[in-house]
Structure formats: structure tokens, C-alpha cells
């Protein structure tokens, strides 16, 4: 999968088509993601053990979204001059795997854990 937790994506199909949200969880085994507060399906999963509640699974197709240019784009990989491999948006060329993005994601995750 080409997406990671913290990426901003645009929904491209379904009843939530055109809406934008951040990825909160990635499931690589079945190529699905959970997008914060978007596209909640009503598929209920039974609890696996007694005492555990059931779950509502949220599935969606997605594309990365450029915050600067506001266009949906696919993801590419390239190696910079200093030898680091980064992900970038193909349409705009915007690098999305910089240290700033990673530090912002980690900071937001810590703030969410503290407030919860």
C-alpha cells in the first residue's frame, strides 16, 4: 500500500465521494483504511471472545490529496540527491514523506492520546 497513517486522502467512490479526511488506521492484509469520521458502513462484526464488544468496520477507496494545490493525485516513489527514498504526489511533485510531516503526525497522535 502507498498510504500511511496521517496521510490526507480524498474519497473517490461511494456515498462519501469527494470528502477529505485523515487516515487513522491502515490494514495491509486486506488493503483497507479507516478514515477519521468518514464513510462508516453498517457492517457489524461479532465479538471474538466473551466480554468484548462487536465492531463496525469502515472501508474506503482513497487517493492522496495535496494540501497546497488541492488536487487528488497518485503516489510515486523517488530517491533524492542525498540518497533518501521519499513518497511524492505525481501530479504536483509535492514530497509527502518529509521530516516535518512525520513530526506533525507523531505530535498529533500524542496529543490525541493525552486528551483521551
PDB file of N, CA and C in Angstrom:
ATOM      1  N   UNK A   1       0.841  -1.185   0.000  1.00  0.00           N
ATOM      2  CA  UNK A   1       0.000   0.000   0.000  1.00  0.00           C
ATOM      3  C   UNK A   1       0.879   1.238   0.000  1.00  0.00           C
ATOM      4  N   UNK A   2       0.386   2.273  -0.615  1.00  0.00           N
ATOM      5  CA  UNK A   2       1.153   3.501  -0.743  1.00  0.00           C
ATOM      6  C   UNK A   2       0.723   4.571   0.250  1.00  0.00           C
ATOM      7  N   UNK A   3      -0.168   4.262   1.162  1.00  0.00           N
ATOM      8  CA  UNK A   3      -0.633   5.252   2.125  1.00  0.00           C
ATOM      9  C   UNK A   3      -0.166   4.876   3.519  1.00  0.00           C
ATOM     10  N   UNK A   4      -0.064   5.887   4.368  1.00  0.00           N
ATOM     11  CA  UNK A   4       0.364   5.682   5.748  1.00  0.00           C
ATOM     12  C   UNK A   4      -0.583   6.421   6.684  1.00  0.00           C
ATOM     13  N   UNK A   5      -0.491   6.116   7.960  1.00  0.00           N
ATOM     14  CA  UNK A   5      -1.282   6.807   8.968  1.00  0.00           C
ATOM     15  C   UNK A   5      -0.890   8.280   8.963  1.00  0.00           C
ATOM     16  N   UNK A   6      -1.886   9.155   8.958  1.00  0.00           N
ATOM     17  CA  UNK A   6      -1.639  10.587   8.956  1.00  0.00           C
ATOM     18  C   UNK A   6      -1.758  11.224   7.582  1.00  0.00           C
ATOM     19  N   UNK A   7      -1.806  10.427   6.503  1.00  0.00           N
ATOM     20  CA  UNK A   7      -1.972  10.983   5.160  1.00  0.00           C
ATOM     21  C   UNK A   7      -3.370  11.555   5.015  1.00  0.00           C
ATOM     22  N   UNK A   8      -3.488  12.629   4.250  1.00  0.00           N
ATOM     23  CA  UNK A   8      -4.783  13.201   3.932  1.00  0.00           C
ATOM     24  C   UNK A   8      -5.226  12.614   2.603  1.00  0.00           C
ATOM     25  N   UNK A   9      -6.427  12.056   2.561  1.00  0.00           N
ATOM     26  CA  UNK A   9      -6.916  11.394   1.356  1.00  0.00           C
ATOM     27  C   UNK A   9      -8.260  11.964   0.940  1.00  0.00           C
ATOM     28  N   UNK A  10      -8.588  11.759  -0.325  1.00  0.00           N
ATOM     29  CA  UNK A  10      -9.876  12.166  -0.865  1.00  0.00           C
ATOM     30  C   UNK A  10     -10.613  10.908  -1.297  1.00  0.00           C
ATOM     31  N   UNK A  11     -11.838  10.744  -0.847  1.00  0.00           N
ATOM     32  CA  UNK A  11     -12.642   9.570  -1.175  1.00  0.00           C
ATOM     33  C   UNK A  11     -13.077   9.686  -2.631  1.00  0.00           C
ATOM     34  N   UNK A  12     -12.892   8.605  -3.411  1.00  0.00           N
ATOM     35  CA  UNK A  12     -13.186   8.674  -4.841  1.00  0.00           C
ATOM     36  C   UNK A  12     -14.413   7.873  -5.255  1.00  0.00           C
ATOM     37  N   UNK A  13     -15.035   7.151  -4.330  1.00  0.00           N
ATOM     38  CA  UNK A  13     -16.247   6.418  -4.695  1.00  0.00           C
ATOM     39  C   UNK A  13     -17.119   6.227  -3.464  1.00  0.00           C
ATOM     40  N   UNK A  14     -18.393   5.921  -3.702  1.00  0.00           N
ATOM     41  CA  UNK A  14     -19.316   5.665  -2.603  1.00  0.00           C
ATOM     42  C   UNK A  14     -20.106   6.892  -2.205  1.00  0.00           C
ATOM     43  N   UNK A  15     -20.869   6.764  -1.151  1.00  0.00           N
ATOM     44  CA  UNK A  15     -21.745   7.863  -0.745  1.00  0.00           C
ATOM     45  C   UNK A  15     -20.984   9.047  -0.173  1.00  0.00           C
ATOM     46  N   UNK A  16     -19.746   8.863   0.263  1.00  0.00           N
ATOM     47  CA  UNK A  16     -18.919   9.939   0.813  1.00  0.00           C
ATOM     48  C   UNK A  16     -17.975  10.521  -0.241  1.00  0.00           C
ATOM     49  N   UNK A  17     -18.237  10.274  -1.519  1.00  0.00           N
ATOM     50  CA  UNK A  17     -17.359  10.686  -2.614  1.00  0.00           C
ATOM     51  C   UNK A  17     -17.082  12.188  -2.568  1.00  0.00           C
ATOM     52  N   UNK A  18     -15.802  12.550  -2.707  1.00  0.00           N
ATOM     53  CA  UNK A  18     -15.399  13.949  -2.730  1.00  0.00           C
ATOM     54  C   UNK A  18     -14.993  14.508  -1.380  1.00  0.00           C
ATOM     55  N   UNK A  19     -15.277  13.809  -0.303  1.00  0.00           N
ATOM     56  CA  UNK A  19     -14.913  14.293   1.026  1.00  0.00           C
ATOM     57  C   UNK A  19     -13.450  13.988   1.316  1.00  0.00           C
ATOM     58  N   UNK A  20     -12.868  14.778   2.208  1.00  0.00           N
ATOM     59  CA  UNK A  20     -11.448  14.680   2.526  1.00  0.00           C
ATOM     60  C   UNK A  20     -11.292  14.353   4.000  1.00  0.00           C
ATOM     61  N   UNK A  21     -10.344  13.454   4.320  1.00  0.00           N
ATOM     62  CA  UNK A  21     -10.098  13.098   5.709  1.00  0.00           C
ATOM     63  C   UNK A  21      -8.710  12.535   5.904  1.00  0.00           C
ATOM     64  N   UNK A  22      -8.327  12.345   7.158  1.00  0.00           N
ATOM     65  CA  UNK A  22      -7.016  11.805   7.503  1.00  0.00           C
ATOM     66  C   UNK A  22      -7.140  10.326   7.847  1.00  0.00           C
ATOM     67  N   UNK A  23      -6.132   9.564   7.453  1.00  0.00           N
ATOM     68  CA  UNK A  23      -6.111   8.131   7.738  1.00  0.00           C
ATOM     69  C   UNK A  23      -5.715   7.925   9.191  1.00  0.00           C
ATOM     70  N   UNK A  24      -6.515   7.133   9.913  1.00  0.00           N
ATOM     71  CA  UNK A  24      -6.210   6.852  11.310  1.00  0.00           C
ATOM     72  C   UNK A  24      -5.682   5.440  11.510  1.00  0.00           C
ATOM     73  N   UNK A  25      -5.992   4.534  10.563  1.00  0.00           N
ATOM     74  CA  UNK A  25      -5.551   3.154  10.705  1.00  0.00           C
ATOM     75  C   UNK A  25      -5.443   2.518   9.324  1.00  0.00           C
ATOM     76  N   UNK A  26      -4.411   1.686   9.127  1.00  0.00           N
ATOM     77  CA  UNK A  26      -4.187   1.011   7.848  1.00  0.00           C
ATOM     78  C   UNK A  26      -4.179  -0.492   8.086  1.00  0.00           C
ATOM     79  N   UNK A  27      -4.939  -1.227   7.278  1.00  0.00           N
ATOM     80  CA  UNK A  27      -4.962  -2.681   7.328  1.00  0.00           C
ATOM     81  C   UNK A  27      -4.331  -3.203   6.046  1.00  0.00           C
ATOM     82  N   UNK A  28      -3.072  -3.621   6.119  1.00  0.00           N
ATOM     83  CA  UNK A  28      -2.352  -4.062   4.927  1.00  0.00           C
ATOM     84  C   UNK A  28      -2.830  -5.424   4.423  1.00  0.00           C
ATOM     85  N   UNK A  29      -3.331  -6.276   5.307  1.00  0.00           N
ATOM     86  CA  UNK A  29      -3.720  -7.624   4.888  1.00  0.00           C
ATOM     87  C   UNK A  29      -4.885  -7.628   3.910  1.00  0.00           C
ATOM     88  N   UNK A  30      -5.775  -6.642   3.968  1.00  0.00           N
ATOM     89  CA  UNK A  30      -6.871  -6.579   3.005  1.00  0.00           C
ATOM     90  C   UNK A  30      -6.946  -5.236   2.283  1.00  0.00           C
ATOM     91  N   UNK A  31      -5.872  -4.462   2.336  1.00  0.00           N
ATOM     92  CA  UNK A  31      -5.744  -3.201   1.592  1.00  0.00           C
ATOM     93  C   UNK A  31      -6.888  -2.233   1.875  1.00  0.00           C
ATOM     94  N   UNK A  32      -7.210  -2.031   3.147  1.00  0.00           N
ATOM     95  CA  UNK A  32      -8.247  -1.086   3.522  1.00  0.00           C
ATOM     96  C   UNK A  32      -7.708  -0.114   4.556  1.00  0.00           C
ATOM     97  N   UNK A  33      -8.396   1.007   4.691  1.00  0.00           N
ATOM     98  CA  UNK A  33      -8.006   2.018   5.669  1.00  0.00           C
ATOM     99  C   UNK A  33      -9.241   2.517   6.397  1.00  0.00           C
ATOM    100  N   UNK A  34      -9.025   3.110   7.556  1.00  0.00           N
ATOM    101  CA  UNK A  34     -10.087   3.798   8.282  1.00  0.00           C
ATOM    102  C   UNK A  34      -9.773   5.281   8.215  1.00  0.00           C
ATOM    103  N   UNK A  35     -10.738   6.050   7.733  1.00  0.00           N
ATOM    104  CA  UNK A  35     -10.583   7.490   7.609  1.00  0.00           C
ATOM    105  C   UNK A  35     -11.392   8.138   8.717  1.00  0.00           C
ATOM    106  N   UNK A  36     -10.790   9.086   9.394  1.00  0.00           N
ATOM    107  CA  UNK A  36     -11.405   9.725  10.557  1.00  0.00           C
ATOM    108  C   UNK A  36     -12.754  10.349  10.183  1.00  0.00           C
ATOM    109  N   UNK A  37     -13.817   9.898  10.834  1.00  0.00           N
ATOM    110  CA  UNK A  37     -15.174  10.438  10.726  1.00  0.00           C
ATOM    111  C   UNK A  37     -15.754  10.394   9.316  1.00  0.00           C
ATOM    112  N   UNK A  38     -15.326   9.457   8.468  1.00  0.00           N
ATOM    113  CA  UNK A  38     -15.880   9.372   7.120  1.00  0.00           C
ATOM    114  C   UNK A  38     -16.288   7.946   6.785  1.00  0.00           C
ATOM    115  N   UNK A  39     -17.344   7.838   5.988  1.00  0.00           N
ATOM    116  CA  UNK A  39     -17.791   6.600   5.357  1.00  0.00           C
ATOM    117  C   UNK A  39     -17.900   5.417   6.305  1.00  0.00           C
ATOM    118  N   UNK A  40     -18.740   5.544   7.257  1.00  0.00           N
ATOM    119  CA  UNK A  40     -18.975   4.446   8.186  1.00  0.00           C
ATOM    120  C   UNK A  40     -20.010   3.500   7.586  1.00  0.00           C
ATOM    121  N   UNK A  41     -19.594   2.274   7.274  1.00  0.00           N
ATOM    122  CA  UNK A  41     -20.541   1.269   6.801  1.00  0.00           C
ATOM    123  C   UNK A  41     -21.231   0.653   8.006  1.00  0.00           C
ATOM    124  N   UNK A  42     -22.337   0.005   7.766  1.00  0.00           N
ATOM    125  CA  UNK A  42     -23.069  -0.612   8.866  1.00  0.00           C
ATOM    126  C   UNK A  42     -22.840  -2.113   8.908  1.00  0.00           C
ATOM    127  N   UNK A  43     -21.660  -2.563   8.534  1.00  0.00           N
ATOM    128  CA  UNK A  43     -21.307  -3.973   8.638  1.00  0.00           C
ATOM    129  C   UNK A  43     -20.804  -4.217  10.055  1.00  0.00           C
ATOM    130  N   UNK A  44     -21.533  -5.032  10.791  1.00  0.00           N
ATOM    131  CA  UNK A  44     -21.182  -5.288  12.184  1.00  0.00           C
ATOM    132  C   UNK A  44     -20.455  -6.620  12.307  1.00  0.00           C
ATOM    133  N   UNK A  45     -19.385  -6.617  13.087  1.00  0.00           N
ATOM    134  CA  UNK A  45     -18.617  -7.835  13.341  1.00  0.00           C
ATOM    135  C   UNK A  45     -18.961  -8.332  14.740  1.00  0.00           C
ATOM    136  N   UNK A  46     -19.166  -9.627  14.874  1.00  0.00           N
ATOM    137  CA  UNK A  46     -19.415 -10.206  16.187  1.00  0.00           C
ATOM    138  C   UNK A  46     -18.142 -10.150  17.015  1.00  0.00           C
ATOM    139  N   UNK A  47     -18.312 -10.176  18.321  1.00  0.00           N
ATOM    140  CA  UNK A  47     -17.140 -10.225  19.190  1.00  0.00           C
ATOM    141  C   UNK A  47     -16.515 -11.613  19.101  1.00  0.00           C
ATOM    142  N   UNK A  48     -15.201 -11.684  19.186  1.00  0.00           N
ATOM    143  CA  UNK A  48     -14.500 -12.957  19.093  1.00  0.00           C
ATOM    144  C   UNK A  48     -14.470 -13.681  20.437  1.00  0.00           C
ATOM    145  N   UNK A  49     -14.463 -12.921  21.512  1.00  0.00           N
ATOM    146  CA  UNK A  49     -14.442 -13.500  22.851  1.00  0.00           C
ATOM    147  C   UNK A  49     -15.561 -12.881  23.673  1.00  0.00           C
ATOM    148  N   UNK A  50     -15.951 -13.576  24.715  1.00  0.00           N
ATOM    149  CA  UNK A  50     -16.976 -13.017  25.582  1.00  0.00           C
ATOM    150  C   UNK A  50     -16.422 -11.802  26.305  1.00  0.00           C
ATOM    151  N   UNK A  51     -17.265 -10.806  26.483  1.00  0.00           N
ATOM    152  CA  UNK A  51     -16.856  -9.606  27.196  1.00  0.00           C
ATOM    153  C   UNK A  51     -16.305  -8.518  26.290  1.00  0.00           C
ATOM    154  N   UNK A  52     -16.023  -8.837  25.050  1.00  0.00           N
ATOM    155  CA  UNK A  52     -15.544  -7.822  24.113  1.00  0.00           C
ATOM    156  C   UNK A  52     -16.712  -7.342  23.258  1.00  0.00           C
ATOM    157  N   UNK A  53     -16.780  -6.043  23.004  1.00  0.00           N
ATOM    158  CA  UNK A  53     -17.867  -5.541  22.163  1.00  0.00           C
ATOM    159  C   UNK A  53     -17.610  -5.847  20.688  1.00  0.00           C
ATOM    160  N   UNK A  54     -18.674  -5.854  19.897  1.00  0.00           N
ATOM    161  CA  UNK A  54     -18.530  -6.012  18.456  1.00  0.00           C
ATOM    162  C   UNK A  54     -17.953  -4.740  17.851  1.00  0.00           C
ATOM    163  N   UNK A  55     -17.686  -4.774  16.558  1.00  0.00           N
ATOM    164  CA  UNK A  55     -17.073  -3.627  15.892  1.00  0.00           C
ATOM    165  C   UNK A  55     -17.855  -3.246  14.650  1.00  0.00           C
ATOM    166  N   UNK A  56     -17.759  -1.972  14.278  1.00  0.00           N
ATOM    167  CA  UNK A  56     -18.264  -1.503  12.997  1.00  0.00           C
ATOM    168  C   UNK A  56     -17.040  -1.216  12.147  1.00  0.00           C
ATOM    169  N   UNK A  57     -16.935  -1.876  10.989  1.00  0.00           N
ATOM    170  CA  UNK A  57     -15.759  -1.723  10.143  1.00  0.00           C
ATOM    171  C   UNK A  57     -16.000  -0.618   9.128  1.00  0.00           C
ATOM    172  N   UNK A  58     -15.021   0.257   8.944  1.00  0.00           N
ATOM    173  CA  UNK A  58     -15.103   1.348   7.981  1.00  0.00           C
ATOM    174  C   UNK A  58     -14.105   1.083   6.855  1.00  0.00           C
ATOM    175  N   UNK A  59     -14.589   0.891   5.633  1.00  0.00           N
ATOM    176  CA  UNK A  59     -13.737   0.594   4.493  1.00  0.00           C
ATOM    177  C   UNK A  59     -13.874   1.696   3.442  1.00  0.00           C
ATOM    178  N   UNK A  60     -12.817   1.998   2.716  1.00  0.00           N
ATOM    179  CA  UNK A  60     -12.899   3.046   1.708  1.00  0.00           C
ATOM    180  C   UNK A  60     -11.788   2.940   0.689  1.00  0.00           C
ATOM    181  N   UNK A  61     -12.057   3.328  -0.552  1.00  0.00           N
ATOM    182  CA  UNK A  61     -11.020   3.531  -1.563  1.00  0.00           C
ATOM    183  C   UNK A  61     -10.553   4.975  -1.407  1.00  0.00           C
ATOM    184  N   UNK A  62      -9.299   5.228  -1.657  1.00  0.00           N
ATOM    185  CA  UNK A  62      -8.797   6.562  -1.394  1.00  0.00           C
ATOM    186  C   UNK A  62      -7.725   6.973  -2.393  1.00  0.00           C
ATOM    187  N   UNK A  63      -7.455   8.275  -2.419  1.00  0.00           N
ATOM    188  CA  UNK A  63      -6.319   8.829  -3.156  1.00  0.00           C
ATOM    189  C   UNK A  63      -5.707   9.901  -2.272  1.00  0.00           C
ATOM    190  N   UNK A  64      -4.420  10.103  -2.399  1.00  0.00           N
ATOM    191  CA  UNK A  64      -3.791  11.165  -1.624  1.00  0.00           C
ATOM    192  C   UNK A  64      -4.242  12.517  -2.132  1.00  0.00           C
ATOM    193  N   UNK A  65      -4.187  13.491  -1.277  1.00  0.00           N
ATOM    194  CA  UNK A  65      -4.718  14.812  -1.576  1.00  0.00           C
ATOM    195  C   UNK A  65      -3.656  15.841  -1.255  1.00  0.00           C
ATOM    196  N   UNK A  66      -3.378  16.723  -2.168  1.00  0.00           N
ATOM    197  CA  UNK A  66      -2.375  17.759  -1.956  1.00  0.00           C
ATOM    198  C   UNK A  66      -2.996  18.929  -1.206  1.00  0.00           C
ATOM    199  N   UNK A  67      -2.441  19.277  -0.059  1.00  0.00           N
ATOM    200  CA  UNK A  67      -2.958  20.408   0.703  1.00  0.00           C
ATOM    201  C   UNK A  67      -2.613  21.729   0.027  1.00  0.00           C
ATOM    202  N   UNK A  68      -1.485  21.776  -0.684  1.00  0.00           N
ATOM    203  CA  UNK A  68      -1.060  23.015  -1.328  1.00  0.00           C
ATOM    204  C   UNK A  68      -1.873  23.311  -2.585  1.00  0.00           C
ATOM    205  N   UNK A  69      -1.983  22.334  -3.476  1.00  0.00           N
ATOM    206  CA  UNK A  69      -2.607  22.565  -4.782  1.00  0.00           C
ATOM    207  C   UNK A  69      -4.062  22.118  -4.827  1.00  0.00           C
ATOM    208  N   UNK A  70      -4.521  21.406  -3.819  1.00  0.00           N
ATOM    209  CA  UNK A  70      -5.894  20.922  -3.705  1.00  0.00           C
ATOM    210  C   UNK A  70      -6.322  20.084  -4.910  1.00  0.00           C
ATOM    211  N   UNK A  71      -5.514  19.087  -5.261  1.00  0.00           N
ATOM    212  CA  UNK A  71      -5.868  18.144  -6.315  1.00  0.00           C
ATOM    213  C   UNK A  71      -5.600  16.731  -5.821  1.00  0.00           C
ATOM    214  N   UNK A  72      -6.424  15.796  -6.260  1.00  0.00           N
ATOM    215  CA  UNK A  72      -6.200  14.393  -5.926  1.00  0.00           C
ATOM    216  C   UNK A  72      -5.104  13.857  -6.831  1.00  0.00           C
ATOM    217  N   UNK A  73      -4.245  13.022  -6.282  1.00  0.00           N
ATOM    218  CA  UNK A  73      -3.117  12.520  -7.057  1.00  0.00           C
ATOM    219  C   UNK A  73      -2.720  11.139  -6.573  1.00  0.00           C
ATOM    220  N   UNK A  74      -2.054  10.390  -7.454  1.00  0.00           N
ATOM    221  CA  UNK A  74      -1.499   9.108  -7.063  1.00  0.00           C
ATOM    222  C   UNK A  74      -0.139   9.334  -6.423  1.00  0.00           C
ATOM    223  N   UNK A  75       0.402   8.276  -5.815  1.00  0.00           N
ATOM    224  CA  UNK A  75       1.673   8.369  -5.104  1.00  0.00           C
ATOM    225  C   UNK A  75       2.770   7.742  -5.941  1.00  0.00           C
ATOM    226  N   UNK A  76       3.938   8.384  -5.946  1.00  0.00           N
ATOM    227  CA  UNK A  76       5.119   7.826  -6.584  1.00  0.00           C
ATOM    228  C   UNK A  76       6.250   7.762  -5.575  1.00  0.00           C
ATOM    229  N   UNK A  77       7.291   7.030  -5.913  1.00  0.00           N
ATOM    230  CA  UNK A  77       8.468   6.931  -5.060  1.00  0.00           C
ATOM    231  C   UNK A  77       9.664   7.433  -5.842  1.00  0.00           C
ATOM    232  N   UNK A  78      10.545   8.177  -5.180  1.00  0.00           N
ATOM    233  CA  UNK A  78      11.780   8.607  -5.830  1.00  0.00           C
ATOM    234  C   UNK A  78      12.878   8.726  -4.789  1.00  0.00           C
ATOM    235  N   UNK A  79      14.105   8.710  -5.273  1.00  0.00           N
ATOM    236  CA  UNK A  79      15.271   8.832  -4.408  1.00  0.00           C
ATOM    237  C   UNK A  79      15.848  10.228  -4.593  1.00  0.00           C
ATOM    238  N   UNK A  80      16.004  10.952  -3.491  1.00  0.00           N
ATOM    239  CA  UNK A  80      16.552  12.306  -3.543  1.00  0.00           C
ATOM    240  C   UNK A  80      18.065  12.266  -3.721  1.00  0.00           C
ATOM    241  N   UNK A  81      18.658  13.446  -3.934  1.00  0.00           N
ATOM    242  CA  UNK A  81      20.101  13.535  -4.157  1.00  0.00           C
ATOM    243  C   UNK A  81      20.914  13.051  -2.967  1.00  0.00           C
ATOM    244  N   UNK A  82      20.369  13.199  -1.756  1.00  0.00           N
ATOM    245  CA  UNK A  82      21.105  12.746  -0.574  1.00  0.00           C
ATOM    246  C   UNK A  82      20.917  11.250  -0.301  1.00  0.00           C
ATOM    247  N   UNK A  83      20.176  10.541  -1.162  1.00  0.00           N
ATOM    248  CA  UNK A  83      20.031   9.096  -1.044  1.00  0.00           C
ATOM    249  C   UNK A  83      18.809   8.633  -0.279  1.00  0.00           C
ATOM    250  N   UNK A  84      17.985   9.538   0.225  1.00  0.00           N
ATOM    251  CA  UNK A  84      16.793   9.133   0.963  1.00  0.00           C
ATOM    252  C   UNK A  84      15.658   8.846  -0.011  1.00  0.00           C
ATOM    253  N   UNK A  85      14.892   7.803   0.274  1.00  0.00           N
ATOM    254  CA  UNK A  85      13.753   7.430  -0.554  1.00  0.00           C
ATOM    255  C   UNK A  85      12.507   8.074   0.038  1.00  0.00           C
ATOM    256  N   UNK A  86      11.756   8.802  -0.775  1.00  0.00           N
ATOM    257  CA  UNK A  86      10.576   9.509  -0.299  1.00  0.00           C
ATOM    258  C   UNK A  86       9.383   9.203  -1.196  1.00  0.00           C
ATOM    259  N   UNK A  87       8.194   9.453  -0.663  1.00  0.00           N
ATOM    260  CA  UNK A  87       6.968   9.370  -1.448  1.00  0.00           C
ATOM    261  C   UNK A  87       6.612  10.775  -1.897  1.00  0.00           C
ATOM    262  N   UNK A  88       6.029  10.883  -3.099  1.00  0.00           N
ATOM    263  CA  UNK A  88       5.631  12.190  -3.598  1.00  0.00           C
ATOM    264  C   UNK A  88       4.344  12.062  -4.402  1.00  0.00           C
ATOM    265  N   UNK A  89       3.643  13.188  -4.593  1.00  0.00           N
ATOM    266  CA  UNK A  89       2.429  13.205  -5.393  1.00  0.00           C
ATOM    267  C   UNK A  89       2.815  13.379  -6.856  1.00  0.00           C
ATOM    268  N   UNK A  90       2.333  12.507  -7.723  1.00  0.00           N
ATOM    269  CA  UNK A  90       2.743  12.503  -9.120  1.00  0.00           C
ATOM    270  C   UNK A  90       2.295  13.771  -9.843  1.00  0.00           C
ATOM    271  N   UNK A  91       1.073  14.240  -9.630  1.00  0.00           N
ATOM    272  CA  UNK A  91       0.577  15.408 -10.357  1.00  0.00           C
ATOM    273  C   UNK A  91       1.293  16.694  -9.974  1.00  0.00           C
ATOM    274  N   UNK A  92       1.587  16.865  -8.689  1.00  0.00           N
ATOM    275  CA  UNK A  92       2.142  18.135  -8.231  1.00  0.00           C
ATOM    276  C   UNK A  92       3.622  18.086  -7.921  1.00  0.00           C
ATOM    277  N   UNK A  93       4.168  16.905  -7.677  1.00  0.00           N
ATOM    278  CA  UNK A  93       5.575  16.780  -7.311  1.00  0.00           C
ATOM    279  C   UNK A  93       5.845  17.055  -5.843  1.00  0.00           C
ATOM    280  N   UNK A  94       4.808  17.298  -5.057  1.00  0.00           N
ATOM    281  CA  UNK A  94       4.952  17.611  -3.629  1.00  0.00           C
ATOM    282  C   UNK A  94       5.431  16.380  -2.861  1.00  0.00           C
ATOM    283  N   UNK A  95       6.498  16.537  -2.066  1.00  0.00           N
ATOM    284  CA  UNK A  95       7.018  15.443  -1.246  1.00  0.00           C
ATOM    285  C   UNK A  95       6.152  15.331   0.003  1.00  0.00           C
ATOM    286  N   UNK A  96       5.688  14.108   0.289  1.00  0.00           N
ATOM    287  CA  UNK A  96       4.781  13.923   1.424  1.00  0.00           C
ATOM    288  C   UNK A  96       5.420  13.146   2.556  1.00  0.00           C
ATOM    289  N   UNK A  97       6.648  12.693   2.392  1.00  0.00           N
ATOM    290  CA  UNK A  97       7.319  11.927   3.439  1.00  0.00           C
ATOM    291  C   UNK A  97       8.456  12.693   4.088  1.00  0.00           C
ATOM    292  N   UNK A  98       8.363  14.003   4.162  1.00  0.00           N
ATOM    293  CA  UNK A  98       9.426  14.771   4.788  1.00  0.00           C
ATOM    294  C   UNK A  98       9.396  14.633   6.299  1.00  0.00           C
ATOM    295  N   UNK A  99      10.465  15.063   6.966  1.00  0.00           N
ATOM    296  CA  UNK A  99      10.536  15.009   8.427  1.00  0.00           C
ATOM    297  C   UNK A  99       9.447  15.846   9.072  1.00  0.00           C
ATOM    298  N   UNK A 100       9.084  16.973   8.447  1.00  0.00           N
ATOM    299  CA  UNK A 100       8.062  17.848   9.027  1.00  0.00           C
ATOM    300  C   UNK A 100       6.726  17.117   9.125  1.00  0.00           C
ATOM    301  N   UNK A 101       6.342  16.414   8.064  1.00  0.00           N
ATOM    302  CA  UNK A 101       5.077  15.678   8.080  1.00  0.00           C
ATOM    303  C   UNK A 101       5.092  14.585   9.135  1.00  0.00           C
ATOM    304  N   UNK A 102       6.203  13.869   9.248  1.00  0.00           N
ATOM    305  CA  UNK A 102       6.309  12.784  10.221  1.00  0.00           C
ATOM    306  C   UNK A 102       6.228  13.334  11.642  1.00  0.00           C
ATOM    307  N   UNK A 103       6.946  14.417  11.927  1.00  0.00           N
ATOM    308  CA  UNK A 103       6.922  15.002  13.268  1.00  0.00           C
ATOM    309  C   UNK A 103       5.534  15.526  13.600  1.00  0.00           C
ATOM    310  N   UNK A 104       4.828  16.120  12.621  1.00  0.00           N
ATOM    311  CA  UNK A 104       3.476  16.623  12.839  1.00  0.00           C
ATOM    312  C   UNK A 104       2.535  15.473  13.183  1.00  0.00           C
ATOM    313  N   UNK A 105       2.653  14.358  12.478  1.00  0.00           N
ATOM    314  CA  UNK A 105       1.797  13.200  12.724  1.00  0.00           C
ATOM    315  C   UNK A 105       2.027  12.625  14.111  1.00  0.00           C
ATOM    316  N   UNK A 106       3.289  12.494  14.511  1.00  0.00           N
ATOM    317  CA  UNK A 106       3.620  11.956  15.834  1.00  0.00           C
ATOM    318  C   UNK A 106       3.093  12.882  16.926  1.00  0.00           C
ATOM    319  N   UNK A 107       3.245  14.190  16.741  1.00  0.00           N
ATOM    320  CA  UNK A 107       2.785  15.168  17.731  1.00  0.00           C
ATOM    321  C   UNK A 107       1.263  15.103  17.883  1.00  0.00           C
ATOM    322  N   UNK A 108       0.532  15.039  16.770  1.00  0.00           N
ATOM    323  CA  UNK A 108      -0.929  14.962  16.830  1.00  0.00           C
ATOM    324  C   UNK A 108      -1.395  13.671  17.502  1.00  0.00           C
ATOM    325  N   UNK A 109      -0.680  12.572  17.246  1.00  0.00           N
ATOM    326  CA  UNK A 109      -1.046  11.293  17.854  1.00  0.00           C
ATOM    327  C   UNK A 109      -0.859  11.346  19.366  1.00  0.00           C
ATOM    328  N   UNK A 110       0.258  11.954  19.830  1.00  0.00           N
ATOM    329  CA  UNK A 110       0.499  12.077  21.269  1.00  0.00           C
ATOM    330  C   UNK A 110      -0.553  12.954  21.923  1.00  0.00           C
ATOM    331  N   UNK A 111      -0.930  14.066  21.267  1.00  0.00           N
ATOM    332  CA  UNK A 111      -1.952  14.955  21.811  1.00  0.00           C
ATOM    333  C   UNK A 111      -3.298  14.244  21.916  1.00  0.00           C
ATOM    334  N   UNK A 112      -3.608  13.412  20.936  1.00  0.00           N
ATOM    335  CA  UNK A 112      -4.869  12.669  20.958  1.00  0.00           C
ATOM    336  C   UNK A 112      -4.887  11.662  22.105  1.00  0.00           C
ATOM    337  N   UNK A 113      -3.739  11.015  22.370  1.00  0.00           N
ATOM    338  CA  UNK A 113      -3.661  10.047  23.463  1.00  0.00           C
ATOM    339  C   UNK A 113      -3.795  10.735  24.815  1.00  0.00           C
ATOM    340  N   UNK A 114      -3.210  11.912  24.959  1.00  0.00           N
ATOM    341  CA  UNK A 114      -3.271  12.643  26.224  1.00  0.00           C
ATOM    342  C   UNK A 114      -4.695  13.116  26.497  1.00  0.00           C
ATOM    343  N   UNK A 115      -5.384  13.606  25.463  1.00  0.00           N
ATOM    344  CA  UNK A 115      -6.734  14.124  25.657  1.00  0.00           C
ATOM    345  C   UNK A 115      -7.759  13.009  25.863  1.00  0.00           C
ATOM    346  N   UNK A 116      -7.450  11.796  25.424  1.00  0.00           N
ATOM    347  CA  UNK A 116      -8.411  10.682  25.555  1.00  0.00           C
ATOM    348  C   UNK A 116      -8.380  10.056  26.918  1.00  0.00           C
TER     349      UNK A 116
END
